[in-house]
Amino acid sequence: IPKGIMIHSTATPGIMAKMWFERWNKSFEKKEIQRQVCVHAFVDDLEIWQYLPWDHRGWHAGGSANNTHIGIEICEPSGFSYSGSKMIGYDIKSNERYFNEALKNAISLCVYLCKIYNLTEKDIIGHYEGYQRGIASNHGDPKNWFPKHGKSMDTFRADVKKLLSEGAKPAESEKKKYYRVQIGAYSVKANAEAQLAKAKKAGFTEAYIKYY
């Protein structure tokens, strides 16, 4: 049973949530992947894609948080590059809409997960906070990105807390899509339908199963 949620940002500009499925599969088939990585979900400004069952061990933290935390990656927009951990050429104004919508989707997903696993906003941390606690590798995300838009993990947690305290459904104010992406041995119809029922109960009214 998950004990917390860890928020990441991809540090891969322009690669959106639905693109990682094909990207990872092709890389695996061609043996291009040189390290073990697997997160539970990717979110962008339009969509939420689940890549692992929530209660399966991920490989996202680089530490013991892999055993305890659900890993969520927030996809970054295109139009800039990285030098080390520094964003080069990132235009705050032009990316404001994207950032706000992607953040809303990440917050909505966290509200959903808090409800089904009896978690609170206090159980949500960024990758950099996991490092500070000694349960994750030395990464700075999403602290390298959030402050550019006046946000932080503290404001993120506050937004989750607000929705939880209001009893709001994640998707009641605007339409959201929730994707259940089946992978390998986890492609079991009964499991997919159970996840779909939970998603709809949490407020993702346009939820559906997408098989590959």
Protein backbone atom coordinates (compact mmCIF):
# COMPACT_ATOMS: atom_id res chain seq x y z
CA ILE A 1 0.00 0.00 0.00
CA PRO A 2 1.48 3.39 -0.97
CA LYS A 3 2.57 5.56 1.95
CA GLY A 4 3.13 8.76 0.01
CA ILE A 5 3.42 10.51 -3.34
CA MET A 6 6.57 11.93 -4.91
CA ILE A 7 6.34 14.72 -7.49
CA HIS A 8 8.92 14.92 -10.27
CA SER A 9 9.37 16.97 -13.42
CA THR A 10 10.75 15.22 -16.47
CA ALA A 11 13.66 17.48 -17.47
CA THR A 12 12.84 16.38 -21.04
CA PRO A 13 11.25 19.37 -22.80
CA GLY A 14 8.40 18.69 -25.19
CA ILE A 15 7.82 15.00 -24.40
CA MET A 16 4.18 14.81 -23.32
CA ALA A 17 2.39 12.26 -21.14
CA LYS A 18 1.14 9.93 -23.86
CA MET A 19 4.49 9.90 -25.66
CA TRP A 20 6.39 8.05 -22.94
CA PHE A 21 4.63 4.75 -23.54
CA GLU A 22 5.89 4.37 -27.10
CA ARG A 23 9.20 6.01 -26.26
CA TRP A 24 9.96 3.53 -23.48
CA ASN A 25 8.78 0.47 -25.39
CA LYS A 26 10.85 1.30 -28.47
CA SER A 27 13.90 2.06 -26.36
CA PHE A 28 13.50 -1.21 -24.48
CA GLU A 29 13.14 -3.26 -27.67
CA LYS A 30 16.25 -1.63 -29.15
CA LYS A 31 18.10 -2.01 -25.83
CA GLU A 32 18.67 1.75 -25.71
CA ILE A 33 17.74 2.06 -22.04
CA GLN A 34 20.86 2.05 -19.91
CA ARG A 35 19.16 2.48 -16.53
CA GLN A 36 16.07 1.22 -14.77
CA VAL A 37 13.31 3.83 -14.61
CA CYS A 38 9.57 3.47 -14.22
CA VAL A 39 7.10 5.92 -12.72
CA HIS A 40 3.42 5.46 -11.97
CA ALA A 41 2.07 8.37 -14.01
CA PHE A 42 2.85 11.25 -16.32
CA VAL A 43 0.74 14.39 -16.51
CA ASP A 44 0.75 17.32 -18.90
CA ASP A 45 -1.61 20.22 -19.58
CA LEU A 46 -4.22 17.99 -21.24
CA GLU A 47 -3.96 14.47 -19.92
CA ILE A 48 -3.07 12.07 -17.14
CA TRP A 49 -1.52 8.74 -18.15
CA GLN A 50 -0.98 5.90 -15.70
CA TYR A 51 1.97 3.63 -16.47
CA LEU A 52 2.01 1.35 -13.42
CA PRO A 53 -0.66 0.09 -11.02
CA TRP A 54 -0.61 2.48 -8.08
CA ASP A 55 0.25 -0.27 -5.60
CA HIS A 56 3.22 -1.64 -7.57
CA ARG A 57 6.79 -0.69 -6.76
CA GLY A 58 8.13 2.01 -9.04
CA TRP A 59 11.71 2.93 -9.93
CA HIS A 60 11.65 6.70 -9.83
CA ALA A 61 13.23 7.93 -6.62
CA GLY A 62 16.70 6.44 -6.65
CA GLY A 63 16.26 5.45 -3.02
CA SER A 64 13.97 3.75 -0.52
CA ALA A 65 11.02 5.94 -1.60
CA ASN A 66 10.69 3.52 -4.51
CA ASN A 67 9.21 1.12 -1.98
CA THR A 68 6.76 3.57 -0.44
CA HIS A 69 5.86 6.42 -2.81
CA ILE A 70 3.82 6.74 -5.98
CA GLY A 71 5.92 8.59 -8.56
CA ILE A 72 4.26 11.29 -10.67
CA GLU A 73 6.15 13.07 -13.45
CA ILE A 74 4.95 16.47 -14.66
CA CYS A 75 5.90 16.87 -18.31
CA GLU A 76 7.73 20.03 -19.33
CA PRO A 77 6.87 22.10 -22.42
CA SER A 78 9.10 22.48 -25.45
CA GLY A 79 11.11 25.53 -26.47
CA PHE A 80 14.07 25.41 -24.11
CA SER A 81 17.01 23.21 -23.18
CA TYR A 82 19.03 22.16 -20.16
CA SER A 83 22.56 22.84 -19.04
CA GLY A 84 22.99 20.52 -16.10
CA SER A 85 19.91 21.17 -13.98
CA LYS A 86 19.46 24.75 -15.27
CA MET A 87 16.65 25.57 -17.71
CA ILE A 88 18.10 27.54 -20.64
CA GLY A 89 15.81 29.76 -22.71
CA TYR A 90 12.70 29.01 -20.68
CA ASP A 91 10.04 31.69 -21.38
CA ILE A 92 7.94 32.09 -18.26
CA LYS A 93 5.19 34.17 -19.85
CA SER A 94 4.59 31.95 -22.87
CA ASN A 95 4.59 28.82 -20.71
CA GLU A 96 2.30 30.19 -17.98
CA ARG A 97 -0.86 28.57 -19.34
CA TYR A 98 0.82 25.22 -19.87
CA PHE A 99 2.32 25.22 -16.40
CA ASN A 100 -0.93 26.12 -14.67
CA GLU A 101 -2.93 23.44 -16.49
CA ALA A 102 -0.30 20.75 -15.94
CA LEU A 103 -0.14 21.68 -12.27
CA LYS A 104 -3.93 21.43 -11.97
CA ASN A 105 -3.84 17.94 -13.43
CA ALA A 106 -1.09 16.87 -11.03
CA ILE A 107 -3.03 18.29 -8.09
CA SER A 108 -6.21 16.54 -9.23
CA LEU A 109 -4.39 13.24 -9.48
CA CYS A 110 -2.94 13.68 -6.00
CA VAL A 111 -6.41 14.40 -4.58
CA TYR A 112 -7.66 11.20 -6.19
CA LEU A 113 -4.76 9.16 -4.79
CA CYS A 114 -5.11 10.69 -1.33
CA LYS A 115 -8.74 9.61 -1.28
CA ILE A 116 -8.20 6.01 -2.28
CA TYR A 117 -5.11 5.45 -0.08
CA ASN A 118 -6.16 7.55 2.92
CA LEU A 119 -3.29 9.99 2.48
CA THR A 120 -3.11 13.73 3.18
CA GLU A 121 -1.21 16.60 1.63
CA LYS A 122 1.51 15.97 4.23
CA ASP A 123 2.31 12.71 2.47
CA ILE A 124 3.22 14.49 -0.79
CA ILE A 125 6.84 15.48 -1.40
CA GLY A 126 9.03 16.62 -4.27
CA HIS A 127 12.01 14.59 -5.42
CA TYR A 128 14.37 17.14 -3.86
CA GLU A 129 12.57 16.79 -0.53
CA GLY A 130 12.98 13.04 -0.75
CA TYR A 131 16.73 13.61 -1.12
CA GLN A 132 16.72 15.87 1.92
CA ARG A 133 15.05 13.06 3.88
CA GLY A 134 17.56 10.49 2.68
CA ILE A 135 15.01 8.44 0.72
CA ALA A 136 15.74 9.63 -2.84
CA SER A 137 18.65 10.48 -5.11
CA ASN A 138 20.18 13.94 -5.40
CA HIS A 139 17.76 15.62 -7.82
CA GLY A 140 16.37 19.17 -7.60
CA ASP A 141 13.03 18.62 -9.28
CA PRO A 142 10.52 20.14 -9.26
CA LYS A 143 12.18 22.99 -7.34
CA ASN A 144 14.09 24.00 -10.47
CA TRP A 145 10.78 24.74 -12.25
CA PHE A 146 7.98 25.62 -9.81
CA PRO A 147 9.45 28.91 -8.49
CA LYS A 148 9.59 30.35 -12.02
CA HIS A 149 5.80 30.51 -11.82
CA GLY A 150 5.59 31.53 -8.18
CA LYS A 151 4.85 28.00 -6.97
CA SER A 152 6.50 25.52 -4.63
CA MET A 153 5.81 22.16 -3.06
CA ASP A 154 4.27 24.07 -0.15
CA THR A 155 1.72 25.77 -2.44
CA PHE A 156 1.14 22.43 -4.18
CA ARG A 157 0.33 20.76 -0.87
CA ALA A 158 -1.87 23.68 0.14
CA ASP A 159 -3.91 23.30 -3.05
CA VAL A 160 -4.33 19.57 -2.44
CA LYS A 161 -5.37 20.24 1.16
CA LYS A 162 -7.95 22.77 0.03
CA LEU A 163 -9.60 20.34 -2.39
CA LEU A 164 -9.56 17.55 0.18
CA SER A 165 -11.06 19.74 2.89
CA GLU A 166 -13.76 20.99 0.52
CA GLY A 167 -14.62 17.44 -0.45
CA ALA A 168 -14.27 18.48 -4.08
CA LYS A 169 -14.02 15.95 -6.84
CA PRO A 170 -10.87 16.41 -8.95
CA ALA A 171 -12.78 16.92 -12.19
CA GLU A 172 -16.01 18.61 -11.12
CA SER A 173 -15.10 22.07 -12.37
CA GLU A 174 -13.65 21.11 -15.73
CA LYS A 175 -13.38 18.03 -17.92
CA LYS A 176 -10.39 15.81 -17.38
CA LYS A 177 -9.31 12.60 -19.06
CA TYR A 178 -7.91 9.70 -17.08
CA TYR A 179 -6.03 7.00 -18.95
CA ARG A 180 -5.39 3.47 -17.76
CA VAL A 181 -2.40 2.25 -19.74
CA GLN A 182 -1.92 -1.50 -19.56
CA ILE A 183 1.64 -2.81 -19.68
CA GLY A 184 2.95 -6.37 -20.02
CA ALA A 185 1.78 -8.74 -17.32
CA TYR A 186 -0.55 -6.13 -15.89
CA SER A 187 -2.86 -6.28 -18.94
CA VAL A 188 -5.69 -7.95 -17.05
CA LYS A 189 -9.20 -6.85 -17.93
CA ALA A 190 -10.56 -7.27 -14.38
CA ASN A 191 -7.76 -5.15 -12.92
CA ALA A 192 -8.29 -2.45 -15.52
CA GLU A 193 -12.02 -2.34 -14.85
CA ALA A 194 -11.43 -2.07 -11.10
CA GLN A 195 -9.08 0.88 -11.64
CA LEU A 196 -11.61 2.47 -13.99
CA ALA A 197 -14.35 2.22 -11.36
CA LYS A 198 -12.12 3.90 -8.78
CA ALA A 199 -11.24 6.69 -11.21
CA LYS A 200 -14.87 7.41 -11.99
CA LYS A 201 -15.78 7.36 -8.32
CA ALA A 202 -13.10 9.98 -7.69
CA GLY A 203 -14.58 12.29 -10.30
CA PHE A 204 -12.83 11.48 -13.56
CA THR A 205 -16.13 11.26 -15.44
CA GLU A 206 -14.52 10.79 -18.86
CA ALA A 207 -12.36 7.92 -17.70
CA TYR A 208 -11.88 4.98 -20.01
CA ILE A 209 -9.61 2.01 -20.59
CA LYS A 210 -7.12 2.19 -23.43
CA TYR A 211 -5.43 -1.07 -24.36
CA TYR A 212 -2.24 -1.54 -26.33
